[in-house]
Amino acid sequence: MQLHPRHFGRDLRDKLVAKLMKDVEGTCSGRHGFIVAITGIESVGKGLIRDGTGFVTFPVKYQCVVFRPFKGEILEAVVTMVNKMGFFAEAGPVQIFVSNHLIPDDMEFQSGDIPNYTTSDGSVKIQKDSEVRLKIIGTRVDATEIRNVCRDKVYSDICHIECNIHLDNQLCSPKLMTPRIPTFCLLLQFCIGTIKDDFLGVISDPGATS
């Protein structure tokens, strides 16, 4: 951790811990996943002065709670957006995209005031705020990797969705965007999911009670 000289004093360790929690909690890395919370500090090493700045870098070893979805994991998520390309859902801090190719064949997209995917008999519906059980089939953290996998049919669906969809959901910075090619922040873990296997699909439909 890097600390400004004005924070030096008897409460130096407390300042380091506070900055660590502020800078690290809520971030994501490809190796560890989302850092949910720091639970303990194991050690704080000797500081190293940065030439020409006065800042001091301290090696800090800490314990934390992380959330890292893996391929094949079953998650319950809340649908946040539905369109003809598929739907987006959130499982805690994780953004998940389910392509229309990974939705059961008997469900068709219905446009209107509330876009949704509905079975032919109307008994099952996926719309905004629906809770679904899905399986993770792929994860990406690095923005460059997302662009590379767009040659695959499943991942290519992401690249045909308007950029403002992602900007509205605050998934990325406009500086990282190019027209019709959404790019996700390096600190965002993005997953691809499917509901096309047994025991997957809608587990709660908000429209069923209306």
N, C-alpha and C. Protein backbone atom coordinates (compact mmCIF):
# COMPACT_ATOMS: atom_id res chain seq x y z
N MET A 1 0.83 -1.18 0.00
CA MET A 1 0.00 0.00 0.00
C MET A 1 0.88 1.24 0.00
N GLN A 2 0.45 2.27 -0.74
CA GLN A 2 1.20 3.51 -0.83
C GLN A 2 0.54 4.56 0.03
N LEU A 3 1.31 5.26 0.85
CA LEU A 3 0.76 6.21 1.80
C LEU A 3 1.50 7.54 1.72
N HIS A 4 0.74 8.64 1.84
CA HIS A 4 1.31 9.98 1.82
C HIS A 4 1.96 10.28 3.17
N PRO A 5 3.04 11.05 3.18
CA PRO A 5 3.73 11.35 4.43
C PRO A 5 2.86 12.02 5.49
N ARG A 6 1.81 12.73 5.08
CA ARG A 6 0.96 13.41 6.07
C ARG A 6 0.25 12.44 7.01
N HIS A 7 0.19 11.16 6.61
CA HIS A 7 -0.48 10.16 7.44
C HIS A 7 0.46 9.49 8.44
N PHE A 8 1.75 9.86 8.40
CA PHE A 8 2.71 9.22 9.29
C PHE A 8 2.49 9.69 10.73
N GLY A 9 2.62 8.78 11.65
CA GLY A 9 2.42 9.10 13.06
C GLY A 9 2.08 7.85 13.84
N ARG A 10 1.57 8.05 15.05
CA ARG A 10 1.27 6.92 15.92
C ARG A 10 0.15 6.03 15.35
N ASP A 11 -0.75 6.64 14.54
CA ASP A 11 -1.86 5.86 13.98
C ASP A 11 -1.58 5.43 12.54
N LEU A 12 -0.29 5.26 12.23
CA LEU A 12 0.10 4.87 10.87
C LEU A 12 -0.56 3.57 10.44
N ARG A 13 -0.55 2.57 11.32
CA ARG A 13 -1.11 1.27 10.97
C ARG A 13 -2.62 1.40 10.69
N ASP A 14 -3.32 2.19 11.50
CA ASP A 14 -4.75 2.38 11.29
C ASP A 14 -5.02 3.05 9.94
N LYS A 15 -4.16 4.02 9.58
CA LYS A 15 -4.31 4.68 8.29
C LYS A 15 -4.10 3.70 7.14
N LEU A 16 -3.10 2.82 7.30
CA LEU A 16 -2.84 1.82 6.27
C LEU A 16 -4.03 0.88 6.09
N VAL A 17 -4.57 0.42 7.22
CA VAL A 17 -5.71 -0.50 7.16
C VAL A 17 -6.92 0.18 6.52
N ALA A 18 -7.18 1.42 6.89
CA ALA A 18 -8.31 2.15 6.33
C ALA A 18 -8.16 2.33 4.82
N LYS A 19 -6.94 2.67 4.38
CA LYS A 19 -6.70 2.85 2.94
C LYS A 19 -6.79 1.52 2.20
N LEU A 20 -6.31 0.47 2.83
CA LEU A 20 -6.39 -0.86 2.23
C LEU A 20 -7.84 -1.25 1.98
N MET A 21 -8.68 -1.05 2.99
CA MET A 21 -10.09 -1.41 2.85
C MET A 21 -10.77 -0.57 1.78
N LYS A 22 -10.42 0.72 1.74
CA LYS A 22 -11.02 1.61 0.74
C LYS A 22 -10.61 1.24 -0.67
N ASP A 23 -9.32 0.90 -0.85
CA ASP A 23 -8.78 0.66 -2.20
C ASP A 23 -9.04 -0.75 -2.71
N VAL A 24 -9.15 -1.71 -1.80
CA VAL A 24 -9.19 -3.11 -2.22
C VAL A 24 -10.59 -3.72 -2.18
N GLU A 25 -11.35 -3.44 -1.16
CA GLU A 25 -12.69 -4.03 -1.05
C GLU A 25 -13.56 -3.58 -2.23
N GLY A 26 -14.22 -4.54 -2.85
CA GLY A 26 -15.07 -4.24 -3.99
C GLY A 26 -14.38 -4.30 -5.33
N THR A 27 -13.07 -4.58 -5.33
CA THR A 27 -12.35 -4.69 -6.59
C THR A 27 -12.31 -6.15 -7.04
N CYS A 28 -11.77 -6.36 -8.22
CA CYS A 28 -11.76 -7.71 -8.80
C CYS A 28 -10.45 -7.95 -9.51
N SER A 29 -9.97 -9.18 -9.41
CA SER A 29 -8.78 -9.59 -10.15
C SER A 29 -9.04 -10.94 -10.78
N GLY A 30 -8.34 -11.20 -11.88
CA GLY A 30 -8.53 -12.47 -12.55
C GLY A 30 -8.11 -13.67 -11.72
N ARG A 31 -7.16 -13.46 -10.80
CA ARG A 31 -6.64 -14.57 -10.01
C ARG A 31 -7.53 -14.91 -8.82
N HIS A 32 -8.01 -13.88 -8.13
CA HIS A 32 -8.74 -14.11 -6.88
C HIS A 32 -10.25 -13.87 -6.99
N GLY A 33 -10.71 -13.16 -7.99
CA GLY A 33 -12.12 -12.82 -8.10
C GLY A 33 -12.44 -11.53 -7.35
N PHE A 34 -13.70 -11.38 -6.94
CA PHE A 34 -14.12 -10.19 -6.22
C PHE A 34 -13.67 -10.25 -4.77
N ILE A 35 -13.07 -9.17 -4.32
CA ILE A 35 -12.71 -9.06 -2.91
C ILE A 35 -13.88 -8.45 -2.18
N VAL A 36 -14.61 -9.25 -1.44
CA VAL A 36 -15.83 -8.81 -0.78
C VAL A 36 -15.51 -8.01 0.47
N ALA A 37 -14.64 -8.53 1.33
CA ALA A 37 -14.32 -7.85 2.58
C ALA A 37 -12.96 -8.31 3.10
N ILE A 38 -12.23 -7.39 3.69
CA ILE A 38 -10.97 -7.72 4.35
C ILE A 38 -11.28 -8.13 5.78
N THR A 39 -10.82 -9.30 6.18
CA THR A 39 -11.17 -9.84 7.50
C THR A 39 -10.05 -9.74 8.52
N GLY A 40 -8.82 -9.52 8.06
CA GLY A 40 -7.72 -9.43 9.01
C GLY A 40 -6.42 -9.04 8.35
N ILE A 41 -5.55 -8.41 9.13
CA ILE A 41 -4.22 -8.02 8.66
C ILE A 41 -3.20 -8.95 9.30
N GLU A 42 -2.44 -9.66 8.50
CA GLU A 42 -1.44 -10.58 9.02
C GLU A 42 -0.13 -9.89 9.34
N SER A 43 0.28 -9.00 8.45
CA SER A 43 1.56 -8.31 8.70
C SER A 43 1.66 -7.05 7.85
N VAL A 44 2.44 -6.10 8.37
CA VAL A 44 2.77 -4.88 7.63
C VAL A 44 4.28 -4.76 7.61
N GLY A 45 4.87 -4.78 6.42
CA GLY A 45 6.32 -4.75 6.30
C GLY A 45 6.90 -3.35 6.39
N LYS A 46 8.20 -3.26 6.26
CA LYS A 46 8.89 -1.98 6.29
C LYS A 46 8.58 -1.18 5.03
N GLY A 47 8.40 0.13 5.24
CA GLY A 47 8.07 1.00 4.12
C GLY A 47 9.26 1.30 3.23
N LEU A 48 8.97 1.52 1.94
CA LEU A 48 10.01 1.88 0.97
C LEU A 48 9.65 3.24 0.38
N ILE A 49 10.55 4.21 0.55
CA ILE A 49 10.30 5.57 0.05
C ILE A 49 10.40 5.59 -1.47
N ARG A 50 9.39 6.20 -2.09
CA ARG A 50 9.38 6.35 -3.54
C ARG A 50 10.17 7.59 -3.92
N ASP A 51 11.19 7.43 -4.74
CA ASP A 51 12.06 8.54 -5.13
C ASP A 51 11.26 9.67 -5.78
N GLY A 52 11.51 10.88 -5.30
CA GLY A 52 10.94 12.06 -5.92
C GLY A 52 9.51 12.38 -5.54
N THR A 53 8.88 11.53 -4.74
CA THR A 53 7.47 11.76 -4.40
C THR A 53 7.24 11.93 -2.91
N GLY A 54 8.02 11.26 -2.10
CA GLY A 54 7.79 11.28 -0.66
C GLY A 54 6.83 10.22 -0.20
N PHE A 55 6.11 9.62 -1.12
CA PHE A 55 5.20 8.53 -0.76
C PHE A 55 6.01 7.32 -0.30
N VAL A 56 5.40 6.55 0.57
CA VAL A 56 6.04 5.34 1.06
C VAL A 56 5.16 4.13 0.76
N THR A 57 5.75 3.09 0.21
CA THR A 57 5.02 1.86 -0.12
C THR A 57 5.27 0.82 0.96
N PHE A 58 4.18 0.30 1.52
CA PHE A 58 4.27 -0.71 2.58
C PHE A 58 3.73 -2.05 2.05
N PRO A 59 4.50 -3.12 2.18
CA PRO A 59 3.95 -4.45 1.84
C PRO A 59 2.99 -4.90 2.94
N VAL A 60 1.78 -5.22 2.56
CA VAL A 60 0.75 -5.61 3.53
C VAL A 60 0.21 -6.99 3.16
N LYS A 61 0.23 -7.89 4.12
CA LYS A 61 -0.34 -9.22 3.92
C LYS A 61 -1.64 -9.30 4.71
N TYR A 62 -2.73 -9.66 4.02
CA TYR A 62 -4.03 -9.63 4.66
C TYR A 62 -4.88 -10.84 4.27
N GLN A 63 -5.92 -11.08 5.05
CA GLN A 63 -6.90 -12.12 4.76
C GLN A 63 -8.19 -11.45 4.31
N CYS A 64 -8.91 -12.12 3.42
CA CYS A 64 -10.14 -11.51 2.92
C CYS A 64 -11.12 -12.59 2.45
N VAL A 65 -12.35 -12.16 2.30
CA VAL A 65 -13.40 -13.01 1.73
C VAL A 65 -13.52 -12.66 0.25
N VAL A 66 -13.45 -13.67 -0.62
CA VAL A 66 -13.53 -13.43 -2.05
C VAL A 66 -14.70 -14.21 -2.66
N PHE A 67 -15.14 -13.74 -3.81
CA PHE A 67 -16.21 -14.41 -4.55
C PHE A 67 -15.73 -14.56 -5.99
N ARG A 68 -15.48 -15.81 -6.37
CA ARG A 68 -14.98 -16.07 -7.72
C ARG A 68 -15.79 -17.18 -8.37
N PRO A 69 -16.75 -16.84 -9.22
CA PRO A 69 -17.51 -17.88 -9.93
C PRO A 69 -16.60 -18.70 -10.83
N PHE A 70 -16.90 -19.97 -10.97
CA PHE A 70 -16.09 -20.82 -11.83
C PHE A 70 -16.98 -21.53 -12.84
N LYS A 71 -16.36 -21.98 -13.90
CA LYS A 71 -17.09 -22.65 -14.96
C LYS A 71 -17.78 -23.89 -14.42
N GLY A 72 -19.08 -24.02 -14.72
CA GLY A 72 -19.86 -25.15 -14.25
C GLY A 72 -20.61 -24.88 -12.97
N GLU A 73 -20.36 -23.73 -12.32
CA GLU A 73 -21.03 -23.41 -11.06
C GLU A 73 -22.48 -23.01 -11.31
N ILE A 74 -23.37 -23.44 -10.41
CA ILE A 74 -24.78 -23.08 -10.48
C ILE A 74 -25.02 -21.89 -9.56
N LEU A 75 -25.62 -20.84 -10.11
CA LEU A 75 -25.91 -19.64 -9.33
C LEU A 75 -27.36 -19.24 -9.49
N GLU A 76 -27.88 -18.57 -8.49
CA GLU A 76 -29.19 -17.94 -8.59
C GLU A 76 -28.97 -16.45 -8.80
N ALA A 77 -29.64 -15.88 -9.79
CA ALA A 77 -29.39 -14.50 -10.17
C ALA A 77 -30.71 -13.78 -10.44
N VAL A 78 -30.65 -12.46 -10.43
CA VAL A 78 -31.81 -11.62 -10.71
C VAL A 78 -31.63 -10.98 -12.08
N VAL A 79 -32.63 -11.11 -12.93
CA VAL A 79 -32.58 -10.55 -14.29
C VAL A 79 -32.65 -9.03 -14.21
N THR A 80 -31.73 -8.37 -14.91
CA THR A 80 -31.70 -6.91 -14.90
C THR A 80 -32.10 -6.30 -16.24
N MET A 81 -31.98 -7.07 -17.32
CA MET A 81 -32.33 -6.54 -18.64
C MET A 81 -32.62 -7.69 -19.60
N VAL A 82 -33.62 -7.49 -20.44
CA VAL A 82 -34.00 -8.50 -21.42
C VAL A 82 -34.06 -7.85 -22.79
N ASN A 83 -33.47 -8.48 -23.80
CA ASN A 83 -33.59 -8.01 -25.17
C ASN A 83 -33.53 -9.21 -26.11
N LYS A 84 -33.61 -8.96 -27.40
CA LYS A 84 -33.70 -10.07 -28.36
C LYS A 84 -32.42 -10.89 -28.42
N MET A 85 -31.31 -10.36 -27.90
CA MET A 85 -30.05 -11.09 -27.92
C MET A 85 -29.93 -12.05 -26.74
N GLY A 86 -30.77 -11.86 -25.71
CA GLY A 86 -30.70 -12.67 -24.51
C GLY A 86 -31.07 -11.84 -23.30
N PHE A 87 -30.51 -12.14 -22.16
CA PHE A 87 -30.77 -11.31 -20.98
C PHE A 87 -29.54 -11.21 -20.09
N PHE A 88 -29.50 -10.12 -19.32
CA PHE A 88 -28.46 -9.90 -18.34
C PHE A 88 -29.01 -10.17 -16.95
N ALA A 89 -28.18 -10.68 -16.08
CA ALA A 89 -28.59 -10.95 -14.71
C ALA A 89 -27.42 -10.65 -13.77
N GLU A 90 -27.76 -10.47 -12.49
CA GLU A 90 -26.74 -10.20 -11.48
C GLU A 90 -26.83 -11.24 -10.38
N ALA A 91 -25.68 -11.76 -9.98
CA ALA A 91 -25.57 -12.64 -8.82
C ALA A 91 -24.56 -12.00 -7.89
N GLY A 92 -25.04 -11.20 -6.95
CA GLY A 92 -24.13 -10.42 -6.14
C GLY A 92 -23.42 -9.41 -7.02
N PRO A 93 -22.09 -9.35 -6.99
CA PRO A 93 -21.35 -8.39 -7.81
C PRO A 93 -21.11 -8.85 -9.24
N VAL A 94 -21.52 -10.06 -9.57
CA VAL A 94 -21.20 -10.63 -10.88
C VAL A 94 -22.28 -10.31 -11.91
N GLN A 95 -21.85 -9.82 -13.06
CA GLN A 95 -22.74 -9.59 -14.19
C GLN A 95 -22.71 -10.83 -15.08
N ILE A 96 -23.89 -11.32 -15.45
CA ILE A 96 -23.99 -12.56 -16.25
C ILE A 96 -24.84 -12.29 -17.47
N PHE A 97 -24.37 -12.74 -18.61
CA PHE A 97 -25.14 -12.64 -19.85
C PHE A 97 -25.54 -14.03 -20.32
N VAL A 98 -26.82 -14.21 -20.61
CA VAL A 98 -27.32 -15.47 -21.14
C VAL A 98 -27.82 -15.20 -22.56
N SER A 99 -27.14 -15.78 -23.54
CA SER A 99 -27.49 -15.59 -24.94
C SER A 99 -28.82 -16.28 -25.25
N ASN A 100 -29.52 -15.78 -26.26
CA ASN A 100 -30.76 -16.45 -26.67
C ASN A 100 -30.51 -17.86 -27.18
N HIS A 101 -29.26 -18.16 -27.54
CA HIS A 101 -28.91 -19.51 -27.97
C HIS A 101 -28.79 -20.46 -26.77
N LEU A 102 -28.74 -19.88 -25.57
CA LEU A 102 -28.61 -20.68 -24.36
C LEU A 102 -29.87 -20.59 -23.50
N ILE A 103 -30.96 -20.21 -24.14
CA ILE A 103 -32.28 -20.22 -23.52
C ILE A 103 -33.07 -21.35 -24.17
N PRO A 104 -33.89 -22.09 -23.43
CA PRO A 104 -34.64 -23.22 -24.02
C PRO A 104 -35.36 -22.83 -25.30
N ASP A 105 -35.39 -23.77 -26.26
CA ASP A 105 -35.96 -23.50 -27.59
C ASP A 105 -37.44 -23.17 -27.55
N ASP A 106 -38.15 -23.61 -26.50
CA ASP A 106 -39.59 -23.35 -26.45
C ASP A 106 -39.91 -21.97 -25.88
N MET A 107 -38.89 -21.16 -25.59
CA MET A 107 -39.11 -19.80 -25.11
C MET A 107 -38.79 -18.82 -26.22
N GLU A 108 -39.71 -17.91 -26.49
CA GLU A 108 -39.54 -16.93 -27.56
C GLU A 108 -39.54 -15.52 -26.97
N PHE A 109 -38.77 -14.64 -27.64
CA PHE A 109 -38.70 -13.26 -27.20
C PHE A 109 -39.97 -12.51 -27.54
N GLN A 110 -40.48 -11.77 -26.57
CA GLN A 110 -41.68 -10.95 -26.75
C GLN A 110 -41.31 -9.50 -26.46
N SER A 111 -41.44 -8.65 -27.47
CA SER A 111 -41.16 -7.23 -27.25
C SER A 111 -42.40 -6.56 -26.67
N GLY A 112 -42.25 -5.33 -26.25
CA GLY A 112 -43.37 -4.61 -25.66
C GLY A 112 -42.91 -3.75 -24.51
N ASP A 113 -43.85 -3.34 -23.68
CA ASP A 113 -43.50 -2.50 -22.54
C ASP A 113 -42.55 -3.22 -21.59
N ILE A 114 -42.74 -4.53 -21.43
CA ILE A 114 -41.87 -5.34 -20.59
C ILE A 114 -41.33 -6.48 -21.44
N PRO A 115 -40.16 -6.29 -22.07
CA PRO A 115 -39.58 -7.37 -22.89
C PRO A 115 -39.38 -8.63 -22.06
N ASN A 116 -39.65 -9.78 -22.68
CA ASN A 116 -39.52 -11.03 -21.94
C ASN A 116 -39.36 -12.20 -22.88
N TYR A 117 -38.97 -13.32 -22.30
CA TYR A 117 -38.97 -14.61 -23.00
C TYR A 117 -40.06 -15.45 -22.37
N THR A 118 -40.97 -15.97 -23.21
CA THR A 118 -42.12 -16.69 -22.70
C THR A 118 -42.27 -18.02 -23.43
N THR A 119 -42.69 -19.05 -22.70
CA THR A 119 -42.97 -20.34 -23.32
C THR A 119 -44.24 -20.24 -24.16
N SER A 120 -44.42 -21.20 -25.06
CA SER A 120 -45.56 -21.16 -25.98
C SER A 120 -46.90 -21.17 -25.26
N ASP A 121 -46.97 -21.83 -24.11
CA ASP A 121 -48.23 -21.86 -23.37
C ASP A 121 -48.35 -20.74 -22.34
N GLY A 122 -47.32 -19.89 -22.27
CA GLY A 122 -47.36 -18.74 -21.37
C GLY A 122 -47.17 -19.07 -19.90
N SER A 123 -46.79 -20.29 -19.59
CA SER A 123 -46.68 -20.71 -18.19
C SER A 123 -45.39 -20.23 -17.52
N VAL A 124 -44.35 -19.98 -18.32
CA VAL A 124 -43.06 -19.54 -17.78
C VAL A 124 -42.62 -18.29 -18.52
N LYS A 125 -42.17 -17.30 -17.76
CA LYS A 125 -41.77 -16.03 -18.35
C LYS A 125 -40.50 -15.52 -17.67
N ILE A 126 -39.58 -15.03 -18.49
CA ILE A 126 -38.36 -14.39 -17.99
C ILE A 126 -38.43 -12.91 -18.34
N GLN A 127 -38.43 -12.06 -17.33
CA GLN A 127 -38.47 -10.63 -17.55
C GLN A 127 -37.62 -9.96 -16.48
N LYS A 128 -37.54 -8.63 -16.53
CA LYS A 128 -36.76 -7.89 -15.54
C LYS A 128 -37.25 -8.21 -14.14
N ASP A 129 -36.31 -8.46 -13.23
CA ASP A 129 -36.56 -8.79 -11.83
C ASP A 129 -36.94 -10.25 -11.59
N SER A 130 -37.02 -11.05 -12.66
CA SER A 130 -37.22 -12.48 -12.46
C SER A 130 -35.98 -13.09 -11.82
N GLU A 131 -36.18 -14.09 -10.97
CA GLU A 131 -35.05 -14.82 -10.39
C GLU A 131 -34.87 -16.11 -11.18
N VAL A 132 -33.64 -16.35 -11.59
CA VAL A 132 -33.34 -17.53 -12.41
C VAL A 132 -32.20 -18.32 -11.80
N ARG A 133 -32.23 -19.61 -12.04
CA ARG A 133 -31.10 -20.47 -11.67
C ARG A 133 -30.37 -20.79 -12.97
N LEU A 134 -29.08 -20.51 -13.01
CA LEU A 134 -28.32 -20.69 -14.24
C LEU A 134 -26.97 -21.34 -13.96
N LYS A 135 -26.32 -21.77 -15.02
CA LYS A 135 -25.00 -22.39 -14.90
C LYS A 135 -23.98 -21.54 -15.64
N ILE A 136 -22.85 -21.28 -14.98
CA ILE A 136 -21.77 -20.51 -15.60
C ILE A 136 -21.03 -21.41 -16.59
N ILE A 137 -20.87 -20.91 -17.81
CA ILE A 137 -20.13 -21.68 -18.82
C ILE A 137 -18.85 -20.98 -19.24
N GLY A 138 -18.64 -19.75 -18.75
CA GLY A 138 -17.41 -19.04 -19.08
C GLY A 138 -17.31 -17.76 -18.29
N THR A 139 -16.08 -17.33 -18.00
CA THR A 139 -15.85 -16.08 -17.29
C THR A 139 -14.75 -15.30 -17.99
N ARG A 140 -14.84 -13.99 -17.90
CA ARG A 140 -13.82 -13.12 -18.45
C ARG A 140 -13.60 -11.94 -17.52
N VAL A 141 -12.34 -11.53 -17.37
CA VAL A 141 -12.02 -10.35 -16.58
C VAL A 141 -11.37 -9.30 -17.46
N ASP A 142 -10.41 -9.70 -18.27
CA ASP A 142 -9.65 -8.76 -19.08
C ASP A 142 -10.46 -8.31 -20.29
N ALA A 143 -10.49 -7.01 -20.56
CA ALA A 143 -11.27 -6.48 -21.67
C ALA A 143 -10.79 -7.01 -23.01
N THR A 144 -9.48 -7.17 -23.16
CA THR A 144 -8.93 -7.69 -24.42
C THR A 144 -9.43 -9.11 -24.67
N GLU A 145 -9.52 -9.90 -23.61
CA GLU A 145 -10.00 -11.27 -23.76
C GLU A 145 -11.43 -11.28 -24.25
N ILE A 146 -12.24 -10.33 -23.80
CA ILE A 146 -13.64 -10.30 -24.24
C ILE A 146 -13.70 -10.05 -25.74
N ARG A 147 -12.86 -9.14 -26.22
CA ARG A 147 -12.86 -8.88 -27.66
C ARG A 147 -12.44 -10.12 -28.44
N ASN A 148 -11.43 -10.82 -27.95
CA ASN A 148 -10.91 -11.98 -28.67
C ASN A 148 -11.94 -13.08 -28.80
N VAL A 149 -12.74 -13.32 -27.75
CA VAL A 149 -13.67 -14.43 -27.80
C VAL A 149 -14.91 -14.10 -28.59
N CYS A 150 -15.01 -12.86 -29.11
CA CYS A 150 -16.19 -12.49 -29.87
C CYS A 150 -16.29 -13.26 -31.19
N ARG A 151 -15.25 -13.97 -31.57
CA ARG A 151 -15.35 -14.80 -32.77
C ARG A 151 -16.21 -16.03 -32.51
N ASP A 152 -16.39 -16.37 -31.25
CA ASP A 152 -17.27 -17.49 -30.88
C ASP A 152 -18.72 -17.03 -30.93
N LYS A 153 -19.63 -17.92 -31.39
CA LYS A 153 -21.02 -17.53 -31.58
C LYS A 153 -21.66 -17.04 -30.29
N VAL A 154 -21.42 -17.74 -29.20
CA VAL A 154 -22.05 -17.35 -27.95
C VAL A 154 -21.58 -15.98 -27.51
N TYR A 155 -20.27 -15.75 -27.51
CA TYR A 155 -19.74 -14.49 -27.03
C TYR A 155 -19.99 -13.37 -28.03
N SER A 156 -20.16 -13.69 -29.30
CA SER A 156 -20.37 -12.66 -30.29
C SER A 156 -21.68 -11.92 -30.04
N ASP A 157 -22.63 -12.56 -29.38
CA ASP A 157 -23.89 -11.89 -29.08
C ASP A 157 -23.66 -10.64 -28.25
N ILE A 158 -22.66 -10.67 -27.37
CA ILE A 158 -22.38 -9.51 -26.54
C ILE A 158 -22.00 -8.32 -27.41
N CYS A 159 -21.27 -8.58 -28.47
CA CYS A 159 -20.74 -7.50 -29.30
C CYS A 159 -21.80 -6.85 -30.18
N HIS A 160 -23.00 -7.43 -30.24
CA HIS A 160 -24.05 -6.84 -31.05
C HIS A 160 -25.05 -6.06 -30.22
N ILE A 161 -24.77 -5.92 -28.94
CA ILE A 161 -25.66 -5.18 -28.06
C ILE A 161 -25.16 -3.75 -27.96
N GLU A 162 -26.09 -2.79 -28.05
CA GLU A 162 -25.70 -1.39 -28.05
C GLU A 162 -24.87 -1.05 -26.82
N CYS A 163 -23.89 -0.16 -27.02
CA CYS A 163 -23.00 0.22 -25.94
C CYS A 163 -23.77 0.88 -24.79
N ASN A 164 -24.85 1.60 -25.10
CA ASN A 164 -25.52 2.33 -24.02
C ASN A 164 -26.19 1.38 -23.04
N ILE A 165 -26.41 0.14 -23.43
CA ILE A 165 -26.94 -0.84 -22.49
C ILE A 165 -25.97 -1.00 -21.33
N HIS A 166 -24.69 -1.14 -21.67
CA HIS A 166 -23.69 -1.36 -20.64
C HIS A 166 -23.41 -0.08 -19.87
N LEU A 167 -23.47 1.07 -20.57
CA LEU A 167 -23.22 2.33 -19.90
C LEU A 167 -24.33 2.62 -18.89
N ASP A 168 -25.58 2.29 -19.23
CA ASP A 168 -26.68 2.50 -18.30
C ASP A 168 -26.50 1.67 -17.04
N ASN A 169 -25.90 0.49 -17.19
CA ASN A 169 -25.68 -0.37 -16.04
C ASN A 169 -24.35 -0.11 -15.36
N GLN A 170 -23.64 0.94 -15.86
CA GLN A 170 -22.37 1.33 -15.26
C GLN A 170 -21.37 0.17 -15.25
N LEU A 171 -21.35 -0.59 -16.34
CA LEU A 171 -20.41 -1.71 -16.43
C LEU A 171 -19.05 -1.26 -16.92
N CYS A 172 -18.99 -0.11 -17.59
CA CYS A 172 -17.71 0.26 -18.16
C CYS A 172 -17.62 1.76 -18.36
N SER A 173 -16.43 2.21 -18.69
CA SER A 173 -16.19 3.62 -18.90
C SER A 173 -16.35 3.96 -20.37
N PRO A 174 -16.96 5.12 -20.69
CA PRO A 174 -17.09 5.50 -22.10
C PRO A 174 -15.75 5.58 -22.82
N LYS A 175 -14.67 5.86 -22.08
CA LYS A 175 -13.36 5.95 -22.71
C LYS A 175 -12.89 4.59 -23.23
N LEU A 176 -13.46 3.51 -22.68
CA LEU A 176 -13.04 2.17 -23.10
C LEU A 176 -13.92 1.62 -24.21
N MET A 177 -14.92 2.43 -24.64
CA MET A 177 -15.91 1.90 -25.57
C MET A 177 -15.57 2.26 -27.00
N THR A 178 -15.94 1.41 -27.94
CA THR A 178 -15.95 1.72 -29.35
C THR A 178 -17.34 1.38 -29.85
N PRO A 179 -17.82 2.05 -30.91
CA PRO A 179 -19.20 1.85 -31.36
C PRO A 179 -19.57 0.38 -31.54
N ARG A 180 -20.63 -0.05 -30.86
CA ARG A 180 -21.23 -1.37 -30.97
C ARG A 180 -20.29 -2.49 -30.55
N ILE A 181 -19.17 -2.15 -29.95
CA ILE A 181 -18.26 -3.18 -29.43
C ILE A 181 -18.05 -2.89 -27.95
N PRO A 182 -18.92 -3.40 -27.08
CA PRO A 182 -18.78 -3.11 -25.65
C PRO A 182 -17.51 -3.72 -25.07
N THR A 183 -16.86 -2.93 -24.24
CA THR A 183 -15.64 -3.38 -23.57
C THR A 183 -15.83 -3.21 -22.07
N PHE A 184 -15.52 -4.22 -21.31
CA PHE A 184 -15.75 -4.19 -19.88
C PHE A 184 -14.49 -3.79 -19.13
N CYS A 185 -14.68 -3.09 -18.01
CA CYS A 185 -13.55 -2.62 -17.22
C CYS A 185 -12.67 -3.78 -16.79
N LEU A 186 -11.40 -3.52 -16.64
CA LEU A 186 -10.47 -4.56 -16.21
C LEU A 186 -10.80 -5.06 -14.81
N LEU A 187 -11.53 -4.24 -14.03
CA LEU A 187 -11.88 -4.64 -12.68
C LEU A 187 -13.27 -5.26 -12.61
N LEU A 188 -13.80 -5.67 -13.75
CA LEU A 188 -15.11 -6.29 -13.77
C LEU A 188 -15.00 -7.73 -14.24
N GLN A 189 -15.57 -8.64 -13.47
CA GLN A 189 -15.63 -10.03 -13.92
C GLN A 189 -16.98 -10.25 -14.56
N PHE A 190 -16.96 -10.69 -15.80
CA PHE A 190 -18.18 -10.87 -16.58
C PHE A 190 -18.32 -12.34 -16.93
N CYS A 191 -19.52 -12.87 -16.74
CA CYS A 191 -19.74 -14.30 -16.96
C CYS A 191 -20.75 -14.54 -18.06
N ILE A 192 -20.62 -15.68 -18.70
CA ILE A 192 -21.60 -16.18 -19.65
C ILE A 192 -22.31 -17.35 -19.00
N GLY A 193 -23.64 -17.35 -19.07
CA GLY A 193 -24.41 -18.41 -18.43
C GLY A 193 -25.38 -19.09 -19.39
N THR A 194 -25.96 -20.19 -18.92
CA THR A 194 -26.97 -20.90 -19.69
C THR A 194 -28.09 -21.35 -18.77
N ILE A 195 -29.30 -21.43 -19.32
CA ILE A 195 -30.42 -22.01 -18.58
C ILE A 195 -31.02 -23.16 -19.40
N LYS A 196 -30.19 -23.73 -20.27
CA LYS A 196 -30.67 -24.74 -21.20
C LYS A 196 -30.46 -26.16 -20.71
N ASP A 197 -30.03 -26.32 -19.44
CA ASP A 197 -29.84 -27.66 -18.87
C ASP A 197 -30.98 -27.98 -17.92
N ASP A 198 -31.03 -29.22 -17.48
CA ASP A 198 -32.07 -29.65 -16.54
C ASP A 198 -31.96 -28.89 -15.22
N PHE A 199 -33.12 -28.63 -14.62
CA PHE A 199 -33.23 -27.99 -13.31
C PHE A 199 -32.77 -26.54 -13.30
N LEU A 200 -32.64 -25.93 -14.47
CA LEU A 200 -32.29 -24.52 -14.57
C LEU A 200 -33.49 -23.74 -15.10
N GLY A 201 -33.47 -22.43 -14.88
CA GLY A 201 -34.54 -21.58 -15.40
C GLY A 201 -35.14 -20.70 -14.31
N VAL A 202 -36.37 -20.27 -14.55
CA VAL A 202 -37.04 -19.34 -13.64
C VAL A 202 -37.37 -20.01 -12.32
N ILE A 203 -37.03 -19.33 -11.23
CA ILE A 203 -37.41 -19.82 -9.90
C ILE A 203 -38.35 -18.84 -9.21
N SER A 204 -38.48 -17.63 -9.76
CA SER A 204 -39.42 -16.65 -9.21
C SER A 204 -39.76 -15.65 -10.30
N ASP A 205 -41.05 -15.51 -10.59
CA ASP A 205 -41.52 -14.61 -11.65
C ASP A 205 -42.31 -13.48 -11.01
N PRO A 206 -41.79 -12.23 -11.06
CA PRO A 206 -42.50 -11.11 -10.43
C PRO A 206 -43.85 -10.82 -11.07
N GLY A 207 -44.01 -11.21 -12.36
CA GLY A 207 -45.28 -10.97 -13.03
C GLY A 207 -46.36 -11.95 -12.66
N ALA A 208 -45.97 -13.04 -11.97
CA ALA A 208 -46.95 -14.09 -11.64
C ALA A 208 -47.94 -13.61 -10.57
N THR A 209 -47.52 -12.62 -9.75
CA THR A 209 -48.40 -12.16 -8.69
C THR A 209 -49.22 -10.96 -9.08
N SER A 210 -48.96 -10.43 -10.28
CA SER A 210 -49.68 -9.24 -10.71
C SER A 210 -50.97 -9.62 -11.42
